[in-house]
């Protein structure tokens, strides 16, 4: 059996996705885009390996500046603080924003 016979997409990412990060349990995926969009993906069925978008939000334009690269990094907070993420919005001047599911 060839490995390509077993290929199956996990998730369909939006155009312009620049970064992604799995939560500590590997059950959720967060992605960031050049346009400042944060998307959260989860599986509706624990037995499935396919993920769908459960939440999508845009960072307010007031937090993005002309030279911004959108969201360039996503980090999940430690699990004892819940299912929330912090993100770096600019390559040169880091701005952290908390968000949860």
C-alpha atoms as a PDB file:
ATOM      1  CA  UNK A   1       0.000   0.000   0.000  1.00  0.00           C
ATOM      2  CA  UNK A   2       1.302   3.422  -0.972  1.00  0.00           C
ATOM      3  CA  UNK A   3       1.243   6.190   1.673  1.00  0.00           C
ATOM      4  CA  UNK A   4      -0.718   8.425  -0.699  1.00  0.00           C
ATOM      5  CA  UNK A   5      -3.598   5.929  -0.542  1.00  0.00           C
ATOM      6  CA  UNK A   6      -4.112   6.973   3.081  1.00  0.00           C
ATOM      7  CA  UNK A   7      -3.999  10.745   2.539  1.00  0.00           C
ATOM      8  CA  UNK A   8      -6.939  12.641   3.971  1.00  0.00           C
ATOM      9  CA  UNK A   9      -7.111  16.378   4.604  1.00  0.00           C
ATOM     10  CA  UNK A  10      -7.429  17.349   8.271  1.00  0.00           C
ATOM     11  CA  UNK A  11      -8.639  20.888   7.763  1.00  0.00           C
ATOM     12  CA  UNK A  12      -9.195  23.409   4.955  1.00  0.00           C
ATOM     13  CA  UNK A  13      -7.282  26.606   5.747  1.00  0.00           C
ATOM     14  CA  UNK A  14      -8.271  30.046   4.489  1.00  0.00           C
ATOM     15  CA  UNK A  15      -6.133  31.775   1.887  1.00  0.00           C
ATOM     16  CA  UNK A  16      -3.566  33.982   3.627  1.00  0.00           C
ATOM     17  CA  UNK A  17      -3.077  31.707   6.662  1.00  0.00           C
ATOM     18  CA  UNK A  18       0.326  32.550   8.125  1.00  0.00           C
ATOM     19  CA  UNK A  19       0.554  30.473  11.295  1.00  0.00           C
ATOM     20  CA  UNK A  20      -1.137  27.715  13.256  1.00  0.00           C
ATOM     21  CA  UNK A  21      -0.902  26.097  16.675  1.00  0.00           C
ATOM     22  CA  UNK A  22      -2.441  23.007  18.294  1.00  0.00           C
ATOM     23  CA  UNK A  23      -3.729  23.267  21.860  1.00  0.00           C
ATOM     24  CA  UNK A  24      -2.049  21.195  24.583  1.00  0.00           C
ATOM     25  CA  UNK A  25      -4.367  18.209  24.165  1.00  0.00           C
ATOM     26  CA  UNK A  26      -4.158  18.239  20.366  1.00  0.00           C
ATOM     27  CA  UNK A  27      -7.949  18.578  20.142  1.00  0.00           C
ATOM     28  CA  UNK A  28      -8.127  22.120  18.756  1.00  0.00           C
ATOM     29  CA  UNK A  29      -6.224  24.063  16.135  1.00  0.00           C
ATOM     30  CA  UNK A  30      -5.944  27.852  15.968  1.00  0.00           C
ATOM     31  CA  UNK A  31      -4.816  29.654  12.811  1.00  0.00           C
ATOM     32  CA  UNK A  32      -3.909  33.267  12.080  1.00  0.00           C
ATOM     33  CA  UNK A  33      -3.892  35.101   8.781  1.00  0.00           C
ATOM     34  CA  UNK A  34      -2.197  37.983   7.060  1.00  0.00           C
ATOM     35  CA  UNK A  35      -5.583  39.735   7.178  1.00  0.00           C
ATOM     36  CA  UNK A  36      -5.740  39.571  11.001  1.00  0.00           C
ATOM     37  CA  UNK A  37      -8.275  36.733  11.207  1.00  0.00           C
ATOM     38  CA  UNK A  38      -8.096  34.203  14.040  1.00  0.00           C
ATOM     39  CA  UNK A  39      -9.872  30.911  13.332  1.00  0.00           C
ATOM     40  CA  UNK A  40     -10.460  27.975  15.697  1.00  0.00           C
ATOM     41  CA  UNK A  41     -10.956  24.438  14.459  1.00  0.00           C
ATOM     42  CA  UNK A  42     -12.324  21.434  16.331  1.00  0.00           C
ATOM     43  CA  UNK A  43     -13.641  17.994  15.506  1.00  0.00           C
ATOM     44  CA  UNK A  44     -17.315  17.366  16.098  1.00  0.00           C
ATOM     45  CA  UNK A  45     -16.693  13.626  16.422  1.00  0.00           C
ATOM     46  CA  UNK A  46     -13.813  12.466  18.676  1.00  0.00           C
ATOM     47  CA  UNK A  47     -13.357   9.393  16.459  1.00  0.00           C
ATOM     48  CA  UNK A  48     -12.877  11.580  13.366  1.00  0.00           C
ATOM     49  CA  UNK A  49      -9.642  13.130  12.160  1.00  0.00           C
ATOM     50  CA  UNK A  50     -11.400  15.907  10.231  1.00  0.00           C
ATOM     51  CA  UNK A  51     -11.633  19.386  11.738  1.00  0.00           C
ATOM     52  CA  UNK A  52     -14.115  22.161  10.992  1.00  0.00           C
ATOM     53  CA  UNK A  53     -14.072  25.866  11.826  1.00  0.00           C
ATOM     54  CA  UNK A  54     -15.980  26.565  15.043  1.00  0.00           C
ATOM     55  CA  UNK A  55     -15.052  30.215  15.473  1.00  0.00           C
ATOM     56  CA  UNK A  56     -13.620  33.006  13.354  1.00  0.00           C
ATOM     57  CA  UNK A  57     -12.908  36.569  14.437  1.00  0.00           C
ATOM     58  CA  UNK A  58     -11.058  39.529  12.977  1.00  0.00           C
ATOM     59  CA  UNK A  59      -8.578  41.540  15.002  1.00  0.00           C
ATOM     60  CA  UNK A  60      -9.846  45.158  15.172  1.00  0.00           C
ATOM     61  CA  UNK A  61      -8.142  47.408  12.626  1.00  0.00           C
ATOM     62  CA  UNK A  62      -7.068  49.710  15.461  1.00  0.00           C
ATOM     63  CA  UNK A  63      -4.663  46.984  16.623  1.00  0.00           C
ATOM     64  CA  UNK A  64      -3.210  46.470  13.153  1.00  0.00           C
ATOM     65  CA  UNK A  65      -0.928  49.089  11.667  1.00  0.00           C
ATOM     66  CA  UNK A  66       0.037  49.809   8.065  1.00  0.00           C
ATOM     67  CA  UNK A  67       3.242  47.770   8.311  1.00  0.00           C
ATOM     68  CA  UNK A  68       1.574  44.843  10.079  1.00  0.00           C
ATOM     69  CA  UNK A  69       1.984  41.324   8.798  1.00  0.00           C
ATOM     70  CA  UNK A  70      -1.337  40.257  10.290  1.00  0.00           C
ATOM     71  CA  UNK A  71      -1.114  37.504  12.885  1.00  0.00           C
ATOM     72  CA  UNK A  72       2.406  36.090  12.814  1.00  0.00           C
ATOM     73  CA  UNK A  73       2.329  33.733  15.807  1.00  0.00           C
ATOM     74  CA  UNK A  74      -0.249  31.959  17.984  1.00  0.00           C
ATOM     75  CA  UNK A  75       0.421  30.493  21.418  1.00  0.00           C
ATOM     76  CA  UNK A  76      -2.093  28.625  23.583  1.00  0.00           C
ATOM     77  CA  UNK A  77      -2.137  29.581  27.255  1.00  0.00           C
ATOM     78  CA  UNK A  78      -1.380  26.762  29.733  1.00  0.00           C
ATOM     79  CA  UNK A  79      -4.413  24.458  30.103  1.00  0.00           C
ATOM     80  CA  UNK A  80      -5.027  25.441  33.735  1.00  0.00           C
ATOM     81  CA  UNK A  81      -6.113  28.861  32.402  1.00  0.00           C
ATOM     82  CA  UNK A  82      -8.650  27.458  29.919  1.00  0.00           C
ATOM     83  CA  UNK A  83      -8.771  27.150  26.155  1.00  0.00           C
ATOM     84  CA  UNK A  84      -7.456  30.581  25.178  1.00  0.00           C
ATOM     85  CA  UNK A  85      -4.749  31.873  22.862  1.00  0.00           C
ATOM     86  CA  UNK A  86      -2.361  34.779  22.692  1.00  0.00           C
ATOM     87  CA  UNK A  87      -1.144  36.091  19.355  1.00  0.00           C
ATOM     88  CA  UNK A  88       1.624  38.258  18.024  1.00  0.00           C
ATOM     89  CA  UNK A  89       0.180  40.775  15.559  1.00  0.00           C
ATOM     90  CA  UNK A  90       3.244  42.476  14.188  1.00  0.00           C
ATOM     91  CA  UNK A  91       6.682  41.239  13.280  1.00  0.00           C
ATOM     92  CA  UNK A  92       8.449  44.144  14.983  1.00  0.00           C
ATOM     93  CA  UNK A  93       6.141  45.356  17.757  1.00  0.00           C
ATOM     94  CA  UNK A  94       4.455  42.505  19.586  1.00  0.00           C
ATOM     95  CA  UNK A  95       0.900  43.023  20.725  1.00  0.00           C
ATOM     96  CA  UNK A  96      -0.733  40.242  22.711  1.00  0.00           C
ATOM     97  CA  UNK A  97      -4.452  39.681  22.578  1.00  0.00           C
ATOM     98  CA  UNK A  98      -6.311  37.001  24.526  1.00  0.00           C
ATOM     99  CA  UNK A  99      -9.132  35.034  23.021  1.00  0.00           C
ATOM    100  CA  UNK A 100     -11.081  31.964  24.028  1.00  0.00           C
ATOM    101  CA  UNK A 101     -13.438  29.406  22.674  1.00  0.00           C
END
